[in-house]
Amino acid sequence: MRYEIKLTRACLFDLNRESSTTDVTFLKYVYLEKVKDEYRYMINIFEDNICRKVRGDETKYCGTKGSKRSVVEIVTNKTCKGRRPTAYYNKIIIDDVKKEYQEALECTNETDFRKVSARIANRYASGLRYPKGIICFLQFTFQLTRKDVQKFIAILNADYKTDIVHYDDKEILDYLSKVFEDDFKSTVIYPYIKEEIIKKREVIKDGKKAIESESQLKVDID
């Protein structure tokens, strides 16, 4: 089947740090299910980035050695040329981090989503090596099967070179469209999509015995 994502809401913050002082400034909240025309270009950028990450070859390590093909084949708005992208997957070992991500998934309004996103943004700002940039929290749904629609959270981080905190909304959107298109530093997608084998059967192919597997896609919150 053709897999599709649907963006629900976005929350953006400006991250900065002078010496040991961390500064996280709220920039913009956008309800993407009723999007205005001026946001359309940025939405396409977000969708393309998420789709590329979801369909990327997966590995736990730097480089592509030992990588495996993603269980999801998803079509982006752009033609994919050249080398297939690489996606890294890691087990979440800190319960507080998983709890934050779960809270972000469950938010159904601007107030809650902004509050949870701000808490995660502050954690990012205190831990980033060069925490000067934009962080965007995206809530979206992904239809794994014809009947199974799952919620996901994406965290997009990008560098920037201009102080945009005092821009008006239109200037922020114009600038961010350029920043996100050219310079995604990292993207986190939660939860993880995995393939689960639900049935195996023995078949005869070309006169030889073989095993066929029936599988389904599921999410893994760890």
C-alpha atoms as a PDB file:
ATOM      1  CA  MET A   1       0.000   0.000   0.000  1.00  0.00           C
ATOM      2  CA  ARG A   2       1.000   3.634  -0.382  1.00  0.00           C
ATOM      3  CA  TYR A   3       1.998   4.946   3.042  1.00  0.00           C
ATOM      4  CA  GLU A   4       1.030   8.517   3.839  1.00  0.00           C
ATOM      5  CA  ILE A   5       1.663  10.895   6.713  1.00  0.00           C
ATOM      6  CA  LYS A   6      -0.595  13.673   7.943  1.00  0.00           C
ATOM      7  CA  LEU A   7       0.884  16.569   9.913  1.00  0.00           C
ATOM      8  CA  THR A   8      -1.265  17.733  12.832  1.00  0.00           C
ATOM      9  CA  ARG A   9       0.510  20.522  14.735  1.00  0.00           C
ATOM     10  CA  ALA A  10       3.906  22.199  14.974  1.00  0.00           C
ATOM     11  CA  CYS A  11       5.654  24.172  17.703  1.00  0.00           C
ATOM     12  CA  LEU A  12       8.913  26.057  17.099  1.00  0.00           C
ATOM     13  CA  PHE A  13      11.534  27.404  19.483  1.00  0.00           C
ATOM     14  CA  ASP A  14      14.713  29.431  19.196  1.00  0.00           C
ATOM     15  CA  LEU A  15      17.666  27.860  21.062  1.00  0.00           C
ATOM     16  CA  ASN A  16      20.685  29.870  22.155  1.00  0.00           C
ATOM     17  CA  ARG A  17      23.354  29.741  24.803  1.00  0.00           C
ATOM     18  CA  GLU A  18      25.874  32.345  25.882  1.00  0.00           C
ATOM     19  CA  SER A  19      28.605  30.732  27.972  1.00  0.00           C
ATOM     20  CA  SER A  20      26.690  28.479  30.375  1.00  0.00           C
ATOM     21  CA  THR A  21      23.374  30.362  30.171  1.00  0.00           C
ATOM     22  CA  THR A  22      20.661  28.605  28.168  1.00  0.00           C
ATOM     23  CA  ASP A  23      17.925  30.572  26.425  1.00  0.00           C
ATOM     24  CA  VAL A  24      14.858  28.930  24.877  1.00  0.00           C
ATOM     25  CA  THR A  25      12.388  31.303  23.211  1.00  0.00           C
ATOM     26  CA  PHE A  26       8.979  30.268  21.871  1.00  0.00           C
ATOM     27  CA  LEU A  27       8.532  31.351  18.251  1.00  0.00           C
ATOM     28  CA  LYS A  28       5.409  29.921  16.697  1.00  0.00           C
ATOM     29  CA  TYR A  29       2.593  27.380  17.021  1.00  0.00           C
ATOM     30  CA  VAL A  30       0.832  26.169  13.870  1.00  0.00           C
ATOM     31  CA  TYR A  31      -2.251  23.965  13.700  1.00  0.00           C
ATOM     32  CA  LEU A  32      -1.426  22.107  10.502  1.00  0.00           C
ATOM     33  CA  GLU A  33      -4.779  20.413   9.887  1.00  0.00           C
ATOM     34  CA  LYS A  34      -6.234  23.828   9.017  1.00  0.00           C
ATOM     35  CA  VAL A  35      -3.164  25.307   7.433  1.00  0.00           C
ATOM     36  CA  LYS A  36      -2.963  28.704   5.784  1.00  0.00           C
ATOM     37  CA  ASP A  37      -1.497  29.077   2.313  1.00  0.00           C
ATOM     38  CA  GLU A  38       1.653  30.776   3.609  1.00  0.00           C
ATOM     39  CA  TYR A  39       2.559  27.602   5.539  1.00  0.00           C
ATOM     40  CA  ARG A  40       2.139  25.223   2.603  1.00  0.00           C
ATOM     41  CA  TYR A  41       5.736  25.391   1.397  1.00  0.00           C
ATOM     42  CA  MET A  42       7.122  24.692   4.865  1.00  0.00           C
ATOM     43  CA  ILE A  43       4.742  21.753   5.328  1.00  0.00           C
ATOM     44  CA  ASN A  44       6.077  20.157   2.138  1.00  0.00           C
ATOM     45  CA  ILE A  45       9.614  20.560   3.500  1.00  0.00           C
ATOM     46  CA  PHE A  46       8.610  18.907   6.794  1.00  0.00           C
ATOM     47  CA  GLU A  47       6.826  16.039   5.035  1.00  0.00           C
ATOM     48  CA  ASP A  48       9.747  15.376   2.695  1.00  0.00           C
ATOM     49  CA  ASN A  49      12.228  15.288   5.564  1.00  0.00           C
ATOM     50  CA  ILE A  50      10.134  12.898   7.663  1.00  0.00           C
ATOM     51  CA  CYS A  51       9.488  10.624   4.675  1.00  0.00           C
ATOM     52  CA  ARG A  52      13.192  10.443   3.849  1.00  0.00           C
ATOM     53  CA  LYS A  53      14.032   9.517   7.434  1.00  0.00           C
ATOM     54  CA  VAL A  54      11.290   6.882   7.657  1.00  0.00           C
ATOM     55  CA  ARG A  55      12.386   5.144   4.447  1.00  0.00           C
ATOM     56  CA  GLY A  56      16.127   5.401   5.135  1.00  0.00           C
ATOM     57  CA  ASP A  57      18.355   2.352   5.516  1.00  0.00           C
ATOM     58  CA  GLU A  58      18.611   1.659   9.244  1.00  0.00           C
ATOM     59  CA  THR A  59      21.737   1.219  11.319  1.00  0.00           C
ATOM     60  CA  LYS A  60      22.794   1.603  14.953  1.00  0.00           C
ATOM     61  CA  TYR A  61      26.248   2.768  13.970  1.00  0.00           C
ATOM     62  CA  CYS A  62      27.873   5.590  12.049  1.00  0.00           C
ATOM     63  CA  GLY A  63      28.151   4.797   8.383  1.00  0.00           C
ATOM     64  CA  THR A  64      26.078   2.195   6.574  1.00  0.00           C
ATOM     65  CA  LYS A  65      27.956  -0.999   7.452  1.00  0.00           C
ATOM     66  CA  GLY A  66      25.503  -3.541   8.777  1.00  0.00           C
ATOM     67  CA  SER A  67      22.497  -1.423   7.789  1.00  0.00           C
ATOM     68  CA  LYS A  68      19.149  -2.945   6.892  1.00  0.00           C
ATOM     69  CA  ARG A  69      16.411  -1.772   4.587  1.00  0.00           C
ATOM     70  CA  SER A  70      13.567   0.113   6.240  1.00  0.00           C
ATOM     71  CA  VAL A  71      10.343  -1.846   6.689  1.00  0.00           C
ATOM     72  CA  VAL A  72       8.399   1.083   5.216  1.00  0.00           C
ATOM     73  CA  GLU A  73       8.460   2.206   1.614  1.00  0.00           C
ATOM     74  CA  ILE A  74       7.070   5.723   1.557  1.00  0.00           C
ATOM     75  CA  VAL A  75       6.756   8.152  -1.341  1.00  0.00           C
ATOM     76  CA  THR A  76       8.016  11.718  -0.853  1.00  0.00           C
ATOM     77  CA  ASN A  77       6.979  14.865  -2.684  1.00  0.00           C
ATOM     78  CA  LYS A  78      10.422  14.965  -4.257  1.00  0.00           C
ATOM     79  CA  THR A  79      12.092  12.478  -6.551  1.00  0.00           C
ATOM     80  CA  CYS A  80      14.660  10.483  -4.571  1.00  0.00           C
ATOM     81  CA  LYS A  81      17.913  10.267  -6.488  1.00  0.00           C
ATOM     82  CA  GLY A  82      21.300   8.875  -5.605  1.00  0.00           C
ATOM     83  CA  ARG A  83      22.193   7.058  -2.438  1.00  0.00           C
ATOM     84  CA  ARG A  84      19.421   5.953  -0.122  1.00  0.00           C
ATOM     85  CA  PRO A  85      19.429   7.985   3.134  1.00  0.00           C
ATOM     86  CA  THR A  86      20.579   6.448   6.412  1.00  0.00           C
ATOM     87  CA  ALA A  87      18.485   6.452   9.585  1.00  0.00           C
ATOM     88  CA  TYR A  88      19.906   5.618  13.026  1.00  0.00           C
ATOM     89  CA  TYR A  89      17.862   3.860  15.667  1.00  0.00           C
ATOM     90  CA  ASN A  90      18.623   3.747  19.381  1.00  0.00           C
ATOM     91  CA  LYS A  91      16.900   2.257  22.385  1.00  0.00           C
ATOM     92  CA  ILE A  92      15.547   4.845  24.825  1.00  0.00           C
ATOM     93  CA  ILE A  93      17.210   4.060  28.148  1.00  0.00           C
ATOM     94  CA  ILE A  94      16.019   7.096  30.124  1.00  0.00           C
ATOM     95  CA  ASP A  95      12.423   6.755  31.302  1.00  0.00           C
ATOM     96  CA  ASP A  96      11.931  10.529  31.648  1.00  0.00           C
ATOM     97  CA  VAL A  97      12.761  11.013  27.963  1.00  0.00           C
ATOM     98  CA  LYS A  98      10.245   8.386  26.879  1.00  0.00           C
ATOM     99  CA  LYS A  99       7.664   9.943  29.215  1.00  0.00           C
ATOM    100  CA  GLU A 100       8.146  13.349  27.570  1.00  0.00           C
ATOM    101  CA  TYR A 101       7.770  11.875  24.103  1.00  0.00           C
ATOM    102  CA  GLN A 102       4.614  10.021  25.156  1.00  0.00           C
ATOM    103  CA  GLU A 103       3.143  13.220  26.580  1.00  0.00           C
ATOM    104  CA  ALA A 104       3.879  15.035  23.321  1.00  0.00           C
ATOM    105  CA  LEU A 105       2.119  12.264  21.392  1.00  0.00           C
ATOM    106  CA  GLU A 106      -1.000  12.542  23.529  1.00  0.00           C
ATOM    107  CA  CYS A 107      -1.416  16.337  23.338  1.00  0.00           C
ATOM    108  CA  THR A 108      -4.639  17.444  21.665  1.00  0.00           C
ATOM    109  CA  ASN A 109      -4.428  21.234  21.971  1.00  0.00           C
ATOM    110  CA  GLU A 110      -1.971  24.108  21.624  1.00  0.00           C
ATOM    111  CA  THR A 111      -1.484  24.767  25.344  1.00  0.00           C
ATOM    112  CA  ASP A 112      -0.462  21.219  26.228  1.00  0.00           C
ATOM    113  CA  PHE A 113       1.680  20.696  23.146  1.00  0.00           C
ATOM    114  CA  ARG A 114       3.532  23.967  23.681  1.00  0.00           C
ATOM    115  CA  LYS A 115       4.127  23.166  27.370  1.00  0.00           C
ATOM    116  CA  VAL A 116       5.537  19.680  26.725  1.00  0.00           C
ATOM    117  CA  SER A 117       7.581  20.859  23.734  1.00  0.00           C
ATOM    118  CA  ALA A 118       9.115  23.665  25.790  1.00  0.00           C
ATOM    119  CA  ARG A 119      10.248  21.189  28.430  1.00  0.00           C
ATOM    120  CA  ILE A 120      11.925  18.998  25.797  1.00  0.00           C
ATOM    121  CA  ALA A 121      13.438  22.064  24.089  1.00  0.00           C
ATOM    122  CA  ASN A 122      15.076  23.133  27.350  1.00  0.00           C
ATOM    123  CA  ARG A 123      16.600  19.668  27.727  1.00  0.00           C
ATOM    124  CA  TYR A 124      17.927  19.871  24.159  1.00  0.00           C
ATOM    125  CA  ALA A 125      19.359  23.341  24.728  1.00  0.00           C
ATOM    126  CA  SER A 126      21.278  22.241  27.806  1.00  0.00           C
ATOM    127  CA  GLY A 127      22.765  19.257  26.002  1.00  0.00           C
ATOM    128  CA  LEU A 128      23.507  20.418  22.478  1.00  0.00           C
ATOM    129  CA  ARG A 129      27.148  20.944  21.626  1.00  0.00           C
ATOM    130  CA  TYR A 130      26.463  24.186  19.764  1.00  0.00           C
ATOM    131  CA  PRO A 131      22.926  25.070  20.881  1.00  0.00           C
ATOM    132  CA  LYS A 132      22.188  27.945  18.575  1.00  0.00           C
ATOM    133  CA  GLY A 133      19.422  27.127  16.192  1.00  0.00           C
ATOM    134  CA  ILE A 134      15.795  26.277  15.650  1.00  0.00           C
ATOM    135  CA  ILE A 135      13.997  23.266  17.078  1.00  0.00           C
ATOM    136  CA  CYS A 136      10.628  22.241  15.694  1.00  0.00           C
ATOM    137  CA  PHE A 137       8.252  19.738  17.261  1.00  0.00           C
ATOM    138  CA  LEU A 138       5.890  18.089  14.812  1.00  0.00           C
ATOM    139  CA  GLN A 139       2.945  15.915  15.725  1.00  0.00           C
ATOM    140  CA  PHE A 140       1.752  13.723  12.858  1.00  0.00           C
ATOM    141  CA  THR A 141      -0.127  10.524  12.084  1.00  0.00           C
ATOM    142  CA  PHE A 142       1.038   7.671   9.928  1.00  0.00           C
ATOM    143  CA  GLN A 143      -1.274   5.020   8.503  1.00  0.00           C
ATOM    144  CA  LEU A 144       0.517   1.703   8.962  1.00  0.00           C
ATOM    145  CA  THR A 145      -2.377  -0.357   7.582  1.00  0.00           C
ATOM    146  CA  ARG A 146      -5.774   0.420   6.134  1.00  0.00           C
ATOM    147  CA  LYS A 147      -7.278   0.372   9.635  1.00  0.00           C
ATOM    148  CA  ASP A 148      -4.324   1.287  11.843  1.00  0.00           C
ATOM    149  CA  VAL A 149      -3.464   5.002  12.173  1.00  0.00           C
ATOM    150  CA  GLN A 150      -0.683   5.783  14.675  1.00  0.00           C
ATOM    151  CA  LYS A 151       0.506   9.046  16.226  1.00  0.00           C
ATOM    152  CA  PHE A 152       4.142  10.105  16.005  1.00  0.00           C
ATOM    153  CA  ILE A 153       6.298  12.995  17.148  1.00  0.00           C
ATOM    154  CA  ALA A 154       9.165  14.397  15.097  1.00  0.00           C
ATOM    155  CA  ILE A 155      11.837  16.710  16.534  1.00  0.00           C
ATOM    156  CA  LEU A 156      13.674  18.721  13.883  1.00  0.00           C
ATOM    157  CA  ASN A 157      16.822  20.645  14.714  1.00  0.00           C
ATOM    158  CA  ALA A 158      18.524  23.133  12.385  1.00  0.00           C
ATOM    159  CA  ASP A 159      21.340  25.667  12.693  1.00  0.00           C
ATOM    160  CA  TYR A 160      20.804  29.321  11.862  1.00  0.00           C
ATOM    161  CA  LYS A 161      22.893  32.446  11.496  1.00  0.00           C
ATOM    162  CA  THR A 162      20.375  35.236  12.022  1.00  0.00           C
ATOM    163  CA  ASP A 163      18.583  36.445  15.146  1.00  0.00           C
ATOM    164  CA  ILE A 164      14.918  35.912  14.301  1.00  0.00           C
ATOM    165  CA  VAL A 165      13.277  36.278  17.690  1.00  0.00           C
ATOM    166  CA  HIS A 166      12.033  39.790  16.962  1.00  0.00           C
ATOM    167  CA  TYR A 167      10.792  39.097  13.427  1.00  0.00           C
ATOM    168  CA  ASP A 168       7.085  39.189  12.690  1.00  0.00           C
ATOM    169  CA  ASP A 169       5.278  35.958  11.812  1.00  0.00           C
ATOM    170  CA  LYS A 170       5.685  36.261   8.041  1.00  0.00           C
ATOM    171  CA  GLU A 171       9.413  37.027   8.291  1.00  0.00           C
ATOM    172  CA  ILE A 172       9.911  34.058  10.627  1.00  0.00           C
ATOM    173  CA  LEU A 173       8.150  31.710   8.214  1.00  0.00           C
ATOM    174  CA  ASP A 174      10.098  32.990   5.199  1.00  0.00           C
ATOM    175  CA  TYR A 175      13.391  32.564   7.022  1.00  0.00           C
ATOM    176  CA  LEU A 176      12.558  29.169   8.519  1.00  0.00           C
ATOM    177  CA  SER A 177      11.512  27.821   5.120  1.00  0.00           C
ATOM    178  CA  LYS A 178      15.013  28.535   3.841  1.00  0.00           C
ATOM    179  CA  VAL A 179      16.718  27.234   7.005  1.00  0.00           C
ATOM    180  CA  PHE A 180      14.857  23.921   7.126  1.00  0.00           C
ATOM    181  CA  GLU A 181      15.195  23.295   3.410  1.00  0.00           C
ATOM    182  CA  ASP A 182      18.972  23.733   3.473  1.00  0.00           C
ATOM    183  CA  ASP A 183      20.135  22.667   6.904  1.00  0.00           C
ATOM    184  CA  PHE A 184      18.452  19.916   8.882  1.00  0.00           C
ATOM    185  CA  LYS A 185      20.997  19.037  11.535  1.00  0.00           C
ATOM    186  CA  SER A 186      19.048  16.101  12.953  1.00  0.00           C
ATOM    187  CA  THR A 187      15.586  14.590  13.070  1.00  0.00           C
ATOM    188  CA  VAL A 188      14.189  12.376  15.820  1.00  0.00           C
ATOM    189  CA  ILE A 189      11.051  10.343  15.102  1.00  0.00           C
ATOM    190  CA  TYR A 190       9.191   8.576  17.917  1.00  0.00           C
ATOM    191  CA  PRO A 191       7.980   5.857  18.265  1.00  0.00           C
ATOM    192  CA  TYR A 192       9.920   3.379  16.130  1.00  0.00           C
ATOM    193  CA  ILE A 193       8.223   1.483  13.288  1.00  0.00           C
ATOM    194  CA  LYS A 194       9.105  -2.199  13.200  1.00  0.00           C
ATOM    195  CA  GLU A 195       8.007  -5.281  11.314  1.00  0.00           C
ATOM    196  CA  GLU A 196       6.499  -8.142  13.297  1.00  0.00           C
ATOM    197  CA  ILE A 197       6.179 -11.612  11.784  1.00  0.00           C
ATOM    198  CA  ILE A 198       2.748 -13.017  12.616  1.00  0.00           C
ATOM    199  CA  LYS A 199       2.730 -16.215  10.554  1.00  0.00           C
ATOM    200  CA  LYS A 200       5.150 -18.514   8.738  1.00  0.00           C
ATOM    201  CA  ARG A 201       4.250 -21.248   6.290  1.00  0.00           C
ATOM    202  CA  GLU A 202       6.099 -23.737   4.165  1.00  0.00           C
ATOM    203  CA  VAL A 203       5.613 -23.433   0.400  1.00  0.00           C
ATOM    204  CA  ILE A 204       7.038 -25.055  -2.701  1.00  0.00           C
ATOM    205  CA  LYS A 205       8.899 -22.744  -5.091  1.00  0.00           C
ATOM    206  CA  ASP A 206      10.525 -24.069  -8.236  1.00  0.00           C
ATOM    207  CA  GLY A 207      10.198 -27.559  -6.838  1.00  0.00           C
ATOM    208  CA  LYS A 208      11.956 -26.672  -3.590  1.00  0.00           C
ATOM    209  CA  LYS A 209      10.674 -26.104  -0.084  1.00  0.00           C
ATOM    210  CA  ALA A 210      10.755 -22.504   1.142  1.00  0.00           C
ATOM    211  CA  ILE A 211       9.393 -20.508   4.069  1.00  0.00           C
ATOM    212  CA  GLU A 212       7.067 -17.573   3.474  1.00  0.00           C
ATOM    213  CA  SER A 213       6.405 -15.065   6.230  1.00  0.00           C
ATOM    214  CA  GLU A 214       3.355 -12.908   6.826  1.00  0.00           C
ATOM    215  CA  SER A 215       4.153  -9.743   8.743  1.00  0.00           C
ATOM    216  CA  GLN A 216       2.605  -6.518   9.989  1.00  0.00           C
ATOM    217  CA  LEU A 217       3.932  -3.104  10.974  1.00  0.00           C
ATOM    218  CA  LYS A 218       3.843  -2.100  14.626  1.00  0.00           C
ATOM    219  CA  VAL A 219       5.255   0.692  16.760  1.00  0.00           C
ATOM    220  CA  ASP A 220       7.870   0.272  19.471  1.00  0.00           C
ATOM    221  CA  ILE A 221       7.844   2.922  22.232  1.00  0.00           C
ATOM    222  CA  ASP A 222      11.323   1.911  23.430  1.00  0.00           C
END
